[in-house]
């Protein structure tokens, strides 16, 4: 996954973003404007600062706007696109990426509507030392109700995933950053081009048959998926996160 030139980062950016459409309905959610810049620019900039060398962006809803904005490179880092002709869900989108691209054994996977300021190098080292098949970031939050809650054992192995609910109580949530061994997904050839969920359909199967590690990180976290948090992003994100060097 990591070479002298850095990490491959797959970005899931194909969703409709129905919960956000009350305030953002003219562009795909990752292009929602934060401080006059598309949210996705902050996300890609952060990962470039943390040694990303190649982005593969899975796009669907109004995808041409994302392609027109970023083109084939961003700040000198190459971008490849995987285009969904129909909604595939997070799991289906990932399988399409794997089917269309020859990825190395391990790669990062992130969501196009969340930014978790983790330390990717630390996460990768922990992933390697644990010999996990898949690793995901965890974040402690005060209100875990609207997220998938992650339950890990004393060794850090993920054992169960609780579905979102209305309970306003603290818990450990999926921070939306994964390190994945691409060989895991050879088990889902029949799901290609079908809409499936990574969180609901694929992860529960993986944790029952493979070693999945959860790594806690206390870095700042923002999810622009609902209007309230989108408005919070206007002050959460700053120009310091952007990168000014390289080609546009």
Protein backbone atom coordinates (compact mmCIF):
# COMPACT_ATOMS: atom_id res chain seq x y z
CA UNK A 1 0.00 0.00 0.00
CA UNK A 2 2.76 2.44 0.87
CA UNK A 3 5.68 2.92 -1.46
CA UNK A 4 8.32 5.60 -1.64
CA UNK A 5 5.75 7.72 -3.45
CA UNK A 6 2.95 7.35 -0.89
CA UNK A 7 -0.54 5.94 -0.43
CA UNK A 8 -3.39 5.07 -2.79
CA UNK A 9 -6.61 6.60 -1.43
CA UNK A 10 -10.06 5.55 -2.66
CA UNK A 11 -12.74 8.20 -2.09
CA UNK A 12 -16.45 7.28 -2.03
CA UNK A 13 -18.17 10.34 -3.48
CA UNK A 14 -21.14 8.97 -5.43
CA UNK A 15 -24.06 9.34 -3.04
CA UNK A 16 -27.08 11.57 -3.60
CA UNK A 17 -26.89 13.17 -0.15
CA UNK A 18 -30.65 13.38 0.31
CA UNK A 19 -30.43 14.66 3.89
CA UNK A 20 -28.36 17.64 2.78
CA UNK A 21 -30.47 18.62 -0.20
CA UNK A 22 -32.51 21.09 1.83
CA UNK A 23 -29.46 23.38 1.81
CA UNK A 24 -27.30 22.00 -1.02
CA UNK A 25 -29.13 20.72 -4.10
CA UNK A 26 -27.30 22.14 -7.10
CA UNK A 27 -24.06 20.15 -6.74
CA UNK A 28 -23.07 16.67 -5.52
CA UNK A 29 -22.50 16.61 -1.77
CA UNK A 30 -18.66 16.49 -1.91
CA UNK A 31 -18.71 19.77 -3.87
CA UNK A 32 -20.82 21.55 -1.24
CA UNK A 33 -19.22 24.95 -0.63
CA UNK A 34 -17.39 25.48 2.65
CA UNK A 35 -15.78 28.90 3.03
CA UNK A 36 -16.16 29.35 -0.75
CA UNK A 37 -14.28 26.11 -1.53
CA UNK A 38 -15.70 22.64 -2.30
CA UNK A 39 -15.55 20.34 0.71
CA UNK A 40 -13.68 17.77 -1.38
CA UNK A 41 -10.76 20.18 -1.82
CA UNK A 42 -10.20 20.21 1.95
CA UNK A 43 -10.43 16.42 2.06
CA UNK A 44 -7.98 15.78 -0.78
CA UNK A 45 -5.61 18.48 0.50
CA UNK A 46 -5.43 16.84 3.91
CA UNK A 47 -4.55 13.49 2.39
CA UNK A 48 -1.96 15.01 0.07
CA UNK A 49 -0.30 16.49 3.15
CA UNK A 50 -0.33 12.97 4.58
CA UNK A 51 1.46 11.27 1.68
CA UNK A 52 -1.36 10.38 -0.73
CA UNK A 53 0.12 9.71 -4.17
CA UNK A 54 -2.99 8.63 -6.11
CA UNK A 55 -6.72 9.20 -5.68
CA UNK A 56 -9.42 6.94 -7.08
CA UNK A 57 -12.73 8.77 -6.74
CA UNK A 58 -15.96 6.80 -7.01
CA UNK A 59 -18.58 9.19 -8.43
CA UNK A 60 -22.24 8.87 -9.32
CA UNK A 61 -24.80 11.61 -8.67
CA UNK A 62 -24.00 14.65 -10.85
CA UNK A 63 -20.57 13.12 -11.31
CA UNK A 64 -19.59 15.29 -14.27
CA UNK A 65 -19.41 18.31 -11.98
CA UNK A 66 -16.74 16.60 -9.87
CA UNK A 67 -14.81 15.48 -12.94
CA UNK A 68 -14.99 18.95 -14.50
CA UNK A 69 -13.80 20.61 -11.30
CA UNK A 70 -10.82 18.39 -10.52
CA UNK A 71 -9.89 16.88 -13.88
CA UNK A 72 -7.13 14.29 -13.95
CA UNK A 73 -4.96 15.81 -11.19
CA UNK A 74 -5.28 17.87 -8.04
CA UNK A 75 -2.20 19.72 -6.78
CA UNK A 76 -0.08 17.44 -8.91
CA UNK A 77 -1.60 14.20 -7.60
CA UNK A 78 -3.24 11.97 -10.25
CA UNK A 79 -6.95 11.18 -10.05
CA UNK A 80 -8.74 8.18 -11.53
CA UNK A 81 -12.54 8.04 -11.62
CA UNK A 82 -14.91 5.10 -11.23
CA UNK A 83 -18.32 6.19 -12.53
CA UNK A 84 -21.54 4.62 -11.23
CA UNK A 85 -24.14 4.39 -13.98
CA UNK A 86 -26.67 3.57 -11.27
CA UNK A 87 -26.50 3.90 -7.46
CA UNK A 88 -24.38 1.08 -6.08
CA UNK A 89 -24.18 1.95 -2.39
CA UNK A 90 -20.89 2.15 -0.52
CA UNK A 91 -20.15 -1.55 -0.94
CA UNK A 92 -21.08 -1.74 -4.60
CA UNK A 93 -19.03 1.38 -5.34
CA UNK A 94 -15.97 -0.13 -3.68
CA UNK A 95 -16.35 -3.38 -5.62
CA UNK A 96 -16.58 -1.41 -8.87
CA UNK A 97 -13.34 0.39 -8.01
CA UNK A 98 -11.62 -2.92 -7.32
CA UNK A 99 -12.95 -4.42 -10.54
CA UNK A 100 -11.71 -1.51 -12.67
CA UNK A 101 -8.35 -0.85 -11.01
CA UNK A 102 -5.34 -2.99 -10.20
CA UNK A 103 -4.73 -2.00 -6.59
CA UNK A 104 -1.87 -3.07 -4.40
CA UNK A 105 -2.54 -5.37 -1.48
CA UNK A 106 -3.54 -2.60 0.94
CA UNK A 107 -5.07 0.82 0.31
CA UNK A 108 -6.92 3.57 2.18
CA UNK A 109 -10.67 4.04 1.75
CA UNK A 110 -12.39 7.25 2.88
CA UNK A 111 -15.83 8.84 2.60
CA UNK A 112 -16.22 11.91 0.40
CA UNK A 113 -18.44 13.71 2.90
CA UNK A 114 -16.43 13.30 6.11
CA UNK A 115 -13.04 14.53 7.24
CA UNK A 116 -11.32 12.78 10.13
CA UNK A 117 -7.99 14.37 11.01
CA UNK A 118 -6.24 11.12 11.84
CA UNK A 119 -2.58 10.27 11.52
CA UNK A 120 -2.52 7.89 8.50
CA UNK A 121 1.09 6.84 9.09
CA UNK A 122 0.33 5.80 12.67
CA UNK A 123 -2.80 3.95 11.54
CA UNK A 124 -0.86 2.09 8.86
CA UNK A 125 1.87 1.06 11.28
CA UNK A 126 -0.73 -0.26 13.72
CA UNK A 127 -2.51 -2.05 10.89
CA UNK A 128 0.72 -3.72 9.78
CA UNK A 129 1.79 -4.75 13.27
CA UNK A 130 -1.64 -6.25 14.02
CA UNK A 131 -1.61 -8.26 10.77
CA UNK A 132 -5.29 -7.37 10.31
CA UNK A 133 -7.17 -8.06 7.09
CA UNK A 134 -8.99 -4.74 7.46
CA UNK A 135 -8.60 -1.82 9.82
CA UNK A 136 -10.94 1.07 10.47
CA UNK A 137 -10.71 4.29 12.41
CA UNK A 138 -12.77 4.82 15.55
CA UNK A 139 -13.88 8.07 17.12
CA UNK A 140 -15.48 8.65 20.51
CA UNK A 141 -18.45 11.02 20.21
CA UNK A 142 -21.03 12.36 22.66
CA UNK A 143 -23.99 11.47 20.47
CA UNK A 144 -23.41 8.19 18.64
CA UNK A 145 -27.06 7.57 17.81
CA UNK A 146 -27.06 8.47 14.12
CA UNK A 147 -23.86 6.55 13.34
CA UNK A 148 -22.89 2.89 13.14
CA UNK A 149 -21.55 2.13 16.60
CA UNK A 150 -18.44 -0.06 16.69
CA UNK A 151 -17.89 -2.60 19.46
CA UNK A 152 -14.34 -3.87 19.96
CA UNK A 153 -12.85 -6.35 22.41
CA UNK A 154 -9.89 -5.81 24.73
CA UNK A 155 -7.40 -6.55 21.95
CA UNK A 156 -8.91 -3.96 19.59
CA UNK A 157 -10.64 -6.52 17.34
CA UNK A 158 -14.02 -5.40 15.99
CA UNK A 159 -16.68 -7.86 17.13
CA UNK A 160 -20.08 -6.27 16.39
CA UNK A 161 -21.61 -3.30 14.59
CA UNK A 162 -24.74 -1.64 15.98
CA UNK A 163 -27.13 0.06 13.60
CA UNK A 164 -27.86 3.81 13.91
CA UNK A 165 -30.66 4.64 16.33
CA UNK A 166 -32.16 7.65 18.08
CA UNK A 167 -30.33 7.18 21.37
CA UNK A 168 -28.38 10.29 22.30
CA UNK A 169 -25.53 8.70 24.21
CA UNK A 170 -21.75 8.51 23.82
CA UNK A 171 -20.07 5.74 21.92
CA UNK A 172 -17.36 4.70 19.51
CA UNK A 173 -18.30 5.26 15.89
CA UNK A 174 -16.81 4.37 12.55
CA UNK A 175 -14.66 7.35 11.59
CA UNK A 176 -14.90 6.48 7.90
CA UNK A 177 -11.20 5.76 7.29
CA UNK A 178 -10.28 2.20 6.35
CA UNK A 179 -7.15 0.29 5.39
CA UNK A 180 -8.25 -2.63 3.23
CA UNK A 181 -6.62 -5.74 1.85
CA UNK A 182 -8.14 -5.90 -1.64
CA UNK A 183 -8.04 -9.70 -1.63
CA UNK A 184 -10.89 -9.71 0.91
CA UNK A 185 -13.37 -8.67 -1.74
CA UNK A 186 -12.84 -11.62 -4.04
CA UNK A 187 -15.62 -13.18 -1.97
CA UNK A 188 -18.27 -10.91 -3.49
CA UNK A 189 -17.99 -11.48 -7.29
CA UNK A 190 -21.76 -11.97 -7.67
CA UNK A 191 -22.45 -8.56 -6.08
CA UNK A 192 -20.69 -6.65 -8.85
CA UNK A 193 -22.89 -3.85 -10.23
CA UNK A 194 -25.47 -4.38 -7.48
CA UNK A 195 -26.35 -1.90 -4.77
CA UNK A 196 -24.95 -3.10 -1.45
CA UNK A 197 -23.77 -1.39 1.70
CA UNK A 198 -20.23 -1.68 3.02
CA UNK A 199 -21.45 -1.01 6.56
CA UNK A 200 -24.59 -3.20 6.53
CA UNK A 201 -23.78 -6.00 4.09
CA UNK A 202 -20.02 -6.45 3.81
CA UNK A 203 -18.48 -5.47 7.15
CA UNK A 204 -20.67 -7.80 9.29
CA UNK A 205 -19.58 -10.73 7.12
CA UNK A 206 -15.92 -9.73 7.25
CA UNK A 207 -15.80 -9.39 11.03
CA UNK A 208 -17.26 -12.90 11.41
CA UNK A 209 -14.57 -14.48 9.23
CA UNK A 210 -11.49 -12.21 9.31
CA UNK A 211 -9.45 -10.08 11.69
CA UNK A 212 -10.77 -6.52 11.67
CA UNK A 213 -9.07 -3.98 13.91
CA UNK A 214 -10.44 -0.73 15.21
CA UNK A 215 -7.98 2.08 15.94
CA UNK A 216 -9.07 4.92 18.17
CA UNK A 217 -7.99 8.41 17.21
CA UNK A 218 -8.93 11.67 18.90
CA UNK A 219 -8.39 13.85 15.83
CA UNK A 220 -11.07 16.36 14.93
CA UNK A 221 -13.97 14.99 12.90
CA UNK A 222 -16.64 16.56 10.69
CA UNK A 223 -19.47 14.96 8.71
CA UNK A 224 -21.34 17.27 6.33
CA UNK A 225 -24.16 14.79 5.73
CA UNK A 226 -26.88 16.77 7.51
CA UNK A 227 -27.62 20.54 7.44
CA UNK A 228 -26.59 21.21 11.06
CA UNK A 229 -23.15 19.67 10.63
CA UNK A 230 -22.72 21.24 7.20
CA UNK A 231 -23.17 24.64 8.85
CA UNK A 232 -20.68 23.65 11.56
CA UNK A 233 -18.16 22.86 8.83
CA UNK A 234 -18.06 26.53 7.89
CA UNK A 235 -16.14 27.23 11.10
CA UNK A 236 -14.57 23.80 11.61
CA UNK A 237 -12.66 23.91 8.33
CA UNK A 238 -9.99 26.52 7.73
CA UNK A 239 -7.69 27.58 4.94
CA UNK A 240 -4.83 25.97 6.88
CA UNK A 241 -6.14 22.59 5.74
CA UNK A 242 -5.81 23.53 2.07
CA UNK A 243 -2.66 22.98 0.08
CA UNK A 244 -1.35 25.75 -2.16
CA UNK A 245 1.48 23.99 -3.97
CA UNK A 246 1.21 21.96 -7.14
CA UNK A 247 -1.12 22.19 -10.13
CA UNK A 248 -4.79 23.01 -9.73
